[in-house]
PDB file of all heavy atoms in Angstrom:
ATOM      1  N   GLY A   1     -10.529 -31.840  49.602  1.00  0.00           N
ATOM      2  CA  GLY A   1      -9.509 -30.810  49.442  1.00  0.00           C
ATOM      3  C   GLY A   1      -9.853 -29.747  48.401  1.00  0.00           C
ATOM      4  O   GLY A   1      -9.074 -28.817  48.214  1.00  0.00           O
ATOM      5  N   GLU A   2     -10.989 -29.863  47.742  1.00  0.00           N
ATOM      6  CA  GLU A   2     -11.363 -28.845  46.761  1.00  0.00           C
ATOM      7  C   GLU A   2     -12.036 -27.678  47.451  1.00  0.00           C
ATOM      8  O   GLU A   2     -12.687 -27.825  48.491  1.00  0.00           O
ATOM      9  CB  GLU A   2     -12.288 -29.435  45.708  1.00  0.00           C
ATOM     10  CG  GLU A   2     -11.554 -30.388  44.775  1.00  0.00           C
ATOM     11  CD  GLU A   2     -12.410 -30.852  43.627  1.00  0.00           C
ATOM     12  OE1 GLU A   2     -13.581 -31.206  43.851  1.00  0.00           O
ATOM     13  OE2 GLU A   2     -11.890 -30.879  42.506  1.00  0.00           O
ATOM     14  N   ARG A   3     -11.864 -26.524  46.884  1.00  0.00           N
ATOM     15  CA  ARG A   3     -12.437 -25.281  47.424  1.00  0.00           C
ATOM     16  C   ARG A   3     -13.745 -24.975  46.672  1.00  0.00           C
ATOM     17  O   ARG A   3     -13.777 -25.093  45.450  1.00  0.00           O
ATOM     18  CB  ARG A   3     -11.447 -24.139  47.242  1.00  0.00           C
ATOM     19  CG  ARG A   3     -11.918 -22.840  47.789  1.00  0.00           C
ATOM     20  CD  ARG A   3     -10.799 -21.836  47.764  1.00  0.00           C
ATOM     21  NE  ARG A   3     -11.321 -20.509  47.999  1.00  0.00           N
ATOM     22  CZ  ARG A   3     -10.609 -19.421  47.867  1.00  0.00           C
ATOM     23  NH1 ARG A   3      -9.333 -19.500  47.499  1.00  0.00           N
ATOM     24  NH2 ARG A   3     -11.138 -18.245  48.086  1.00  0.00           N
ATOM     25  N   VAL A   4     -14.768 -24.602  47.423  1.00  0.00           N
ATOM     26  CA  VAL A   4     -16.073 -24.299  46.847  1.00  0.00           C
ATOM     27  C   VAL A   4     -16.467 -22.867  47.208  1.00  0.00           C
ATOM     28  O   VAL A   4     -16.385 -22.458  48.372  1.00  0.00           O
ATOM     29  CB  VAL A   4     -17.139 -25.286  47.394  1.00  0.00           C
ATOM     30  CG1 VAL A   4     -18.483 -24.982  46.791  1.00  0.00           C
ATOM     31  CG2 VAL A   4     -16.732 -26.732  47.131  1.00  0.00           C
ATOM     32  N   GLU A   5     -16.892 -22.130  46.171  1.00  0.00           N
ATOM     33  CA  GLU A   5     -17.411 -20.773  46.389  1.00  0.00           C
ATOM     34  C   GLU A   5     -18.749 -20.655  45.660  1.00  0.00           C
ATOM     35  O   GLU A   5     -18.927 -21.194  44.581  1.00  0.00           O
ATOM     36  CB  GLU A   5     -16.468 -19.724  45.817  1.00  0.00           C
ATOM     37  CG  GLU A   5     -15.180 -19.540  46.582  1.00  0.00           C
ATOM     38  CD  GLU A   5     -14.358 -18.382  46.082  1.00  0.00           C
ATOM     39  OE1 GLU A   5     -14.828 -17.615  45.222  1.00  0.00           O
ATOM     40  OE2 GLU A   5     -13.218 -18.235  46.571  1.00  0.00           O
ATOM     41  N   HIS A   6     -19.680 -19.942  46.297  1.00  0.00           N
ATOM     42  CA  HIS A   6     -21.002 -19.725  45.707  1.00  0.00           C
ATOM     43  C   HIS A   6     -21.187 -18.222  45.519  1.00  0.00           C
ATOM     44  O   HIS A   6     -20.869 -17.439  46.427  1.00  0.00           O
ATOM     45  CB  HIS A   6     -22.107 -20.250  46.622  1.00  0.00           C
ATOM     46  CG  HIS A   6     -21.913 -21.679  47.011  1.00  0.00           C
ATOM     47  ND1 HIS A   6     -22.305 -22.723  46.204  1.00  0.00           N
ATOM     48  CD2 HIS A   6     -21.373 -22.253  48.128  1.00  0.00           C
ATOM     49  CE1 HIS A   6     -22.015 -23.876  46.772  1.00  0.00           C
ATOM     50  NE2 HIS A   6     -21.461 -23.613  47.953  1.00  0.00           N
ATOM     51  N   HIS A   7     -21.691 -17.830  44.355  1.00  0.00           N
ATOM     52  CA  HIS A   7     -21.877 -16.416  44.027  1.00  0.00           C
ATOM     53  C   HIS A   7     -23.227 -16.216  43.340  1.00  0.00           C
ATOM     54  O   HIS A   7     -23.660 -17.123  42.612  1.00  0.00           O
ATOM     55  CB  HIS A   7     -20.776 -15.896  43.123  1.00  0.00           C
ATOM     56  CG  HIS A   7     -19.402 -16.075  43.667  1.00  0.00           C
ATOM     57  ND1 HIS A   7     -18.879 -15.217  44.601  1.00  0.00           N
ATOM     58  CD2 HIS A   7     -18.455 -17.020  43.459  1.00  0.00           C
ATOM     59  CE1 HIS A   7     -17.660 -15.585  44.919  1.00  0.00           C
ATOM     60  NE2 HIS A   7     -17.370 -16.712  44.245  1.00  0.00           N
ATOM     61  N   SER A   8     -23.812 -15.053  43.496  1.00  0.00           N
ATOM     62  CA  SER A   8     -24.985 -14.738  42.717  1.00  0.00           C
ATOM     63  C   SER A   8     -24.572 -14.567  41.272  1.00  0.00           C
ATOM     64  O   SER A   8     -23.476 -14.032  40.997  1.00  0.00           O
ATOM     65  CB  SER A   8     -25.630 -13.446  43.212  1.00  0.00           C
ATOM     66  OG  SER A   8     -26.158 -13.633  44.522  1.00  0.00           O
ATOM     67  N   CYS A   9     -25.420 -15.026  40.383  1.00  0.00           N
ATOM     68  CA  CYS A   9     -25.126 -14.893  38.950  1.00  0.00           C
ATOM     69  C   CYS A   9     -26.448 -14.835  38.202  1.00  0.00           C
ATOM     70  O   CYS A   9     -27.255 -15.758  38.272  1.00  0.00           O
ATOM     71  CB  CYS A   9     -24.308 -16.099  38.466  1.00  0.00           C
ATOM     72  SG  CYS A   9     -23.859 -16.027  36.715  1.00  0.00           S
ATOM     73  N   GLY A  10     -26.664 -13.736  37.516  1.00  0.00           N
ATOM     74  CA  GLY A  10     -27.943 -13.579  36.806  1.00  0.00           C
ATOM     75  C   GLY A  10     -29.087 -13.707  37.751  1.00  0.00           C
ATOM     76  O   GLY A  10     -29.114 -13.074  38.795  1.00  0.00           O
ATOM     77  N   ASP A  11     -30.013 -14.620  37.426  1.00  0.00           N
ATOM     78  CA  ASP A  11     -31.192 -14.839  38.274  1.00  0.00           C
ATOM     79  C   ASP A  11     -30.965 -15.926  39.321  1.00  0.00           C
ATOM     80  O   ASP A  11     -31.875 -16.269  40.073  1.00  0.00           O
ATOM     81  CB  ASP A  11     -32.405 -15.251  37.423  1.00  0.00           C
ATOM     82  CG  ASP A  11     -32.807 -14.148  36.451  1.00  0.00           C
ATOM     83  OD1 ASP A  11     -32.602 -12.969  36.768  1.00  0.00           O
ATOM     84  OD2 ASP A  11     -33.304 -14.498  35.355  1.00  0.00           O
ATOM     85  N   GLY A  12     -29.773 -16.489  39.359  1.00  0.00           N
ATOM     86  CA  GLY A  12     -29.527 -17.640  40.234  1.00  0.00           C
ATOM     87  C   GLY A  12     -28.217 -17.632  40.949  1.00  0.00           C
ATOM     88  O   GLY A  12     -27.747 -16.591  41.413  1.00  0.00           O
ATOM     89  N   VAL A  13     -27.586 -18.798  41.000  1.00  0.00           N
ATOM     90  CA  VAL A  13     -26.375 -19.032  41.777  1.00  0.00           C
ATOM     91  C   VAL A  13     -25.328 -19.690  40.889  1.00  0.00           C
ATOM     92  O   VAL A  13     -25.647 -20.606  40.134  1.00  0.00           O
ATOM     93  CB  VAL A  13     -26.680 -19.941  42.997  1.00  0.00           C
ATOM     94  CG1 VAL A  13     -25.404 -20.214  43.780  1.00  0.00           C
ATOM     95  CG2 VAL A  13     -27.744 -19.346  43.860  1.00  0.00           C
ATOM     96  N   LEU A  14     -24.093 -19.265  41.025  1.00  0.00           N
ATOM     97  CA  LEU A  14     -22.961 -19.912  40.397  1.00  0.00           C
ATOM     98  C   LEU A  14     -22.121 -20.545  41.495  1.00  0.00           C
ATOM     99  O   LEU A  14     -21.743 -19.892  42.447  1.00  0.00           O
ATOM    100  CB  LEU A  14     -22.116 -18.920  39.605  1.00  0.00           C
ATOM    101  CG  LEU A  14     -20.703 -19.388  39.222  1.00  0.00           C
ATOM    102  CD1 LEU A  14     -20.781 -20.593  38.276  1.00  0.00           C
ATOM    103  CD2 LEU A  14     -19.931 -18.235  38.576  1.00  0.00           C
ATOM    104  N   THR A  15     -21.845 -21.837  41.354  1.00  0.00           N
ATOM    105  CA  THR A  15     -20.920 -22.515  42.271  1.00  0.00           C
ATOM    106  C   THR A  15     -19.641 -22.779  41.493  1.00  0.00           C
ATOM    107  O   THR A  15     -19.656 -23.353  40.407  1.00  0.00           O
ATOM    108  CB  THR A  15     -21.516 -23.849  42.752  1.00  0.00           C
ATOM    109  OG1 THR A  15     -22.756 -23.586  43.422  1.00  0.00           O
ATOM    110  CG2 THR A  15     -20.567 -24.550  43.711  1.00  0.00           C
ATOM    111  N   MET A  16     -18.518 -22.323  42.066  1.00  0.00           N
ATOM    112  CA  MET A  16     -17.190 -22.541  41.470  1.00  0.00           C
ATOM    113  C   MET A  16     -16.440 -23.516  42.354  1.00  0.00           C
ATOM    114  O   MET A  16     -16.351 -23.304  43.563  1.00  0.00           O
ATOM    115  CB  MET A  16     -16.447 -21.210  41.372  1.00  0.00           C
ATOM    116  CG  MET A  16     -17.159 -20.229  40.499  1.00  0.00           C
ATOM    117  SD  MET A  16     -16.481 -18.538  40.364  1.00  0.00           S
ATOM    118  CE  MET A  16     -14.954 -18.515  41.191  1.00  0.00           C
ATOM    119  N   ILE A  17     -15.907 -24.576  41.755  1.00  0.00           N
ATOM    120  CA  ILE A  17     -15.148 -25.562  42.488  1.00  0.00           C
ATOM    121  C   ILE A  17     -13.740 -25.638  41.889  1.00  0.00           C
ATOM    122  O   ILE A  17     -13.590 -25.663  40.656  1.00  0.00           O
ATOM    123  CB  ILE A  17     -15.804 -26.949  42.428  1.00  0.00           C
ATOM    124  CG1 ILE A  17     -17.245 -26.867  43.008  1.00  0.00           C
ATOM    125  CG2 ILE A  17     -14.979 -27.982  43.172  1.00  0.00           C
ATOM    126  CD1 ILE A  17     -18.060 -28.123  42.889  1.00  0.00           C
ATOM    127  N   ALA A  18     -12.746 -25.592  42.744  1.00  0.00           N
ATOM    128  CA  ALA A  18     -11.355 -25.617  42.311  1.00  0.00           C
ATOM    129  C   ALA A  18     -10.539 -26.528  43.182  1.00  0.00           C
ATOM    130  O   ALA A  18     -10.837 -26.732  44.358  1.00  0.00           O
ATOM    131  CB  ALA A  18     -10.781 -24.209  42.313  1.00  0.00           C
ATOM    132  N   MET A  19      -9.487 -27.094  42.589  1.00  0.00           N
ATOM    133  CA  MET A  19      -8.588 -27.934  43.342  1.00  0.00           C
ATOM    134  C   MET A  19      -7.191 -27.300  43.376  1.00  0.00           C
ATOM    135  O   MET A  19      -6.814 -26.636  42.414  1.00  0.00           O
ATOM    136  CB  MET A  19      -8.522 -29.336  42.751  1.00  0.00           C
ATOM    137  CG  MET A  19      -7.896 -29.411  41.381  1.00  0.00           C
ATOM    138  SD  MET A  19      -7.931 -31.038  40.634  1.00  0.00           S
ATOM    139  CE  MET A  19      -7.319 -32.060  41.917  1.00  0.00           C
ATOM    140  N   PRO A  20      -6.487 -27.462  44.483  1.00  0.00           N
ATOM    141  CA  PRO A  20      -5.153 -26.902  44.534  1.00  0.00           C
ATOM    142  C   PRO A  20      -4.199 -27.615  43.571  1.00  0.00           C
ATOM    143  O   PRO A  20      -4.290 -28.817  43.419  1.00  0.00           O
ATOM    144  CB  PRO A  20      -4.699 -27.158  45.994  1.00  0.00           C
ATOM    145  CG  PRO A  20      -5.717 -28.048  46.592  1.00  0.00           C
ATOM    146  CD  PRO A  20      -6.859 -28.170  45.664  1.00  0.00           C
ATOM    147  N   MET A  21      -3.385 -26.834  42.928  1.00  0.00           N
ATOM    148  CA  MET A  21      -2.399 -27.430  42.034  1.00  0.00           C
ATOM    149  C   MET A  21      -1.155 -27.747  42.848  1.00  0.00           C
ATOM    150  O   MET A  21      -0.740 -27.007  43.719  1.00  0.00           O
ATOM    151  CB  MET A  21      -2.058 -26.447  40.908  1.00  0.00           C
ATOM    152  CG  MET A  21      -3.248 -26.223  39.981  1.00  0.00           C
ATOM    153  SD  MET A  21      -2.904 -25.139  38.623  1.00  0.00           S
ATOM    154  CE  MET A  21      -1.831 -26.168  37.649  1.00  0.00           C
ATOM    155  N   ARG A  22      -0.570 -28.893  42.555  1.00  0.00           N
ATOM    156  CA  ARG A  22       0.577 -29.383  43.308  1.00  0.00           C
ATOM    157  C   ARG A  22       1.737 -28.372  43.304  1.00  0.00           C
ATOM    158  O   ARG A  22       2.054 -27.798  42.283  1.00  0.00           O
ATOM    159  CB  ARG A  22       1.023 -30.695  42.699  1.00  0.00           C
ATOM    160  CG  ARG A  22       1.959 -31.483  43.590  1.00  0.00           C
ATOM    161  CD  ARG A  22       2.263 -32.806  42.987  1.00  0.00           C
ATOM    162  NE  ARG A  22       1.218 -33.229  42.066  1.00  0.00           N
ATOM    163  CZ  ARG A  22       1.174 -34.358  41.449  1.00  0.00           C
ATOM    164  NH1 ARG A  22       2.112 -35.223  41.599  1.00  0.00           N
ATOM    165  NH2 ARG A  22       0.194 -34.666  40.615  1.00  0.00           N
ATOM    166  N   ASP A  23       2.345 -28.193  44.440  1.00  0.00           N
ATOM    167  CA  ASP A  23       3.547 -27.363  44.607  1.00  0.00           C
ATOM    168  C   ASP A  23       3.342 -25.890  44.283  1.00  0.00           C
ATOM    169  O   ASP A  23       4.307 -25.178  44.006  1.00  0.00           O
ATOM    170  CB  ASP A  23       4.709 -27.916  43.777  1.00  0.00           C
ATOM    171  CG  ASP A  23       5.078 -29.340  44.146  1.00  0.00           C
ATOM    172  OD1 ASP A  23       4.908 -29.687  45.337  1.00  0.00           O
ATOM    173  OD2 ASP A  23       5.480 -30.103  43.265  1.00  0.00           O
ATOM    174  N   THR A  24       2.105 -25.413  44.232  1.00  0.00           N
ATOM    175  CA  THR A  24       1.838 -23.991  44.050  1.00  0.00           C
ATOM    176  C   THR A  24       0.680 -23.585  44.933  1.00  0.00           C
ATOM    177  O   THR A  24      -0.003 -24.412  45.521  1.00  0.00           O
ATOM    178  CB  THR A  24       1.464 -23.652  42.587  1.00  0.00           C
ATOM    179  OG1 THR A  24       0.169 -24.190  42.299  1.00  0.00           O
ATOM    180  CG2 THR A  24       2.489 -24.217  41.588  1.00  0.00           C
ATOM    181  N   GLU A  25       0.447 -22.289  45.006  1.00  0.00           N
ATOM    182  CA  GLU A  25      -0.717 -21.804  45.736  1.00  0.00           C
ATOM    183  C   GLU A  25      -1.894 -21.572  44.817  1.00  0.00           C
ATOM    184  O   GLU A  25      -2.945 -21.117  45.216  1.00  0.00           O
ATOM    185  CB  GLU A  25      -0.368 -20.511  46.464  1.00  0.00           C
ATOM    186  CG  GLU A  25       0.641 -20.743  47.590  1.00  0.00           C
ATOM    187  CD  GLU A  25       0.947 -19.479  48.375  1.00  0.00           C
ATOM    188  OE1 GLU A  25       0.106 -18.562  48.358  1.00  0.00           O
ATOM    189  OE2 GLU A  25       2.001 -19.426  48.988  1.00  0.00           O
ATOM    190  N   THR A  26      -1.732 -21.875  43.556  1.00  0.00           N
ATOM    191  CA  THR A  26      -2.771 -21.679  42.542  1.00  0.00           C
ATOM    192  C   THR A  26      -3.836 -22.753  42.654  1.00  0.00           C
ATOM    193  O   THR A  26      -3.544 -23.889  42.959  1.00  0.00           O
ATOM    194  CB  THR A  26      -2.147 -21.702  41.137  1.00  0.00           C
ATOM    195  OG1 THR A  26      -1.111 -20.744  41.081  1.00  0.00           O
ATOM    196  CG2 THR A  26      -3.176 -21.382  40.069  1.00  0.00           C
ATOM    197  N   MET A  27      -5.049 -22.349  42.369  1.00  0.00           N
ATOM    198  CA  MET A  27      -6.175 -23.282  42.342  1.00  0.00           C
ATOM    199  C   MET A  27      -6.581 -23.464  40.879  1.00  0.00           C
ATOM    200  O   MET A  27      -6.642 -22.502  40.113  1.00  0.00           O
ATOM    201  CB  MET A  27      -7.359 -22.719  43.126  1.00  0.00           C
ATOM    202  CG  MET A  27      -7.077 -22.352  44.579  1.00  0.00           C
ATOM    203  SD  MET A  27      -6.829 -23.806  45.605  1.00  0.00           S
ATOM    204  CE  MET A  27      -8.490 -24.331  45.820  1.00  0.00           C
ATOM    205  N   ARG A  28      -6.853 -24.705  40.478  1.00  0.00           N
ATOM    206  CA  ARG A  28      -7.335 -24.991  39.123  1.00  0.00           C
ATOM    207  C   ARG A  28      -8.851 -25.184  39.155  1.00  0.00           C
ATOM    208  O   ARG A  28      -9.367 -26.047  39.852  1.00  0.00           O
ATOM    209  CB  ARG A  28      -6.678 -26.230  38.543  1.00  0.00           C
ATOM    210  CG  ARG A  28      -7.113 -26.503  37.088  1.00  0.00           C
ATOM    211  CD  ARG A  28      -6.421 -27.676  36.456  1.00  0.00           C
ATOM    212  NE  ARG A  28      -6.803 -28.951  37.019  1.00  0.00           N
ATOM    213  CZ  ARG A  28      -7.918 -29.632  36.659  1.00  0.00           C
ATOM    214  NH1 ARG A  28      -8.753 -29.115  35.798  1.00  0.00           N
ATOM    215  NH2 ARG A  28      -8.181 -30.794  37.206  1.00  0.00           N
ATOM    216  N   LEU A  29      -9.529 -24.360  38.425  1.00  0.00           N
ATOM    217  CA  LEU A  29     -11.003 -24.421  38.335  1.00  0.00           C
ATOM    218  C   LEU A  29     -11.425 -25.721  37.685  1.00  0.00           C
ATOM    219  O   LEU A  29     -10.969 -26.038  36.584  1.00  0.00           O
ATOM    220  CB  LEU A  29     -11.515 -23.213  37.542  1.00  0.00           C
ATOM    221  CG  LEU A  29     -12.980 -22.979  37.485  1.00  0.00           C
ATOM    222  CD1 LEU A  29     -13.562 -22.765  38.860  1.00  0.00           C
ATOM    223  CD2 LEU A  29     -13.279 -21.762  36.619  1.00  0.00           C
ATOM    224  N   THR A  30     -12.255 -26.504  38.371  1.00  0.00           N
ATOM    225  CA  THR A  30     -12.687 -27.783  37.826  1.00  0.00           C
ATOM    226  C   THR A  30     -14.153 -27.786  37.410  1.00  0.00           C
ATOM    227  O   THR A  30     -14.521 -28.500  36.492  1.00  0.00           O
ATOM    228  CB  THR A  30     -12.468 -28.930  38.830  1.00  0.00           C
ATOM    229  OG1 THR A  30     -13.232 -28.659  40.032  1.00  0.00           O
ATOM    230  CG2 THR A  30     -11.000 -29.079  39.169  1.00  0.00           C
TER     231      THR A  30
END
């Protein structure tokens, strides 16, 4: 259920993983 996004960052890659917060549409970055 966690959301994963990959982005270029500096010379490499940044992976951001977040989980949905209960009862909201907000994602909490983990």
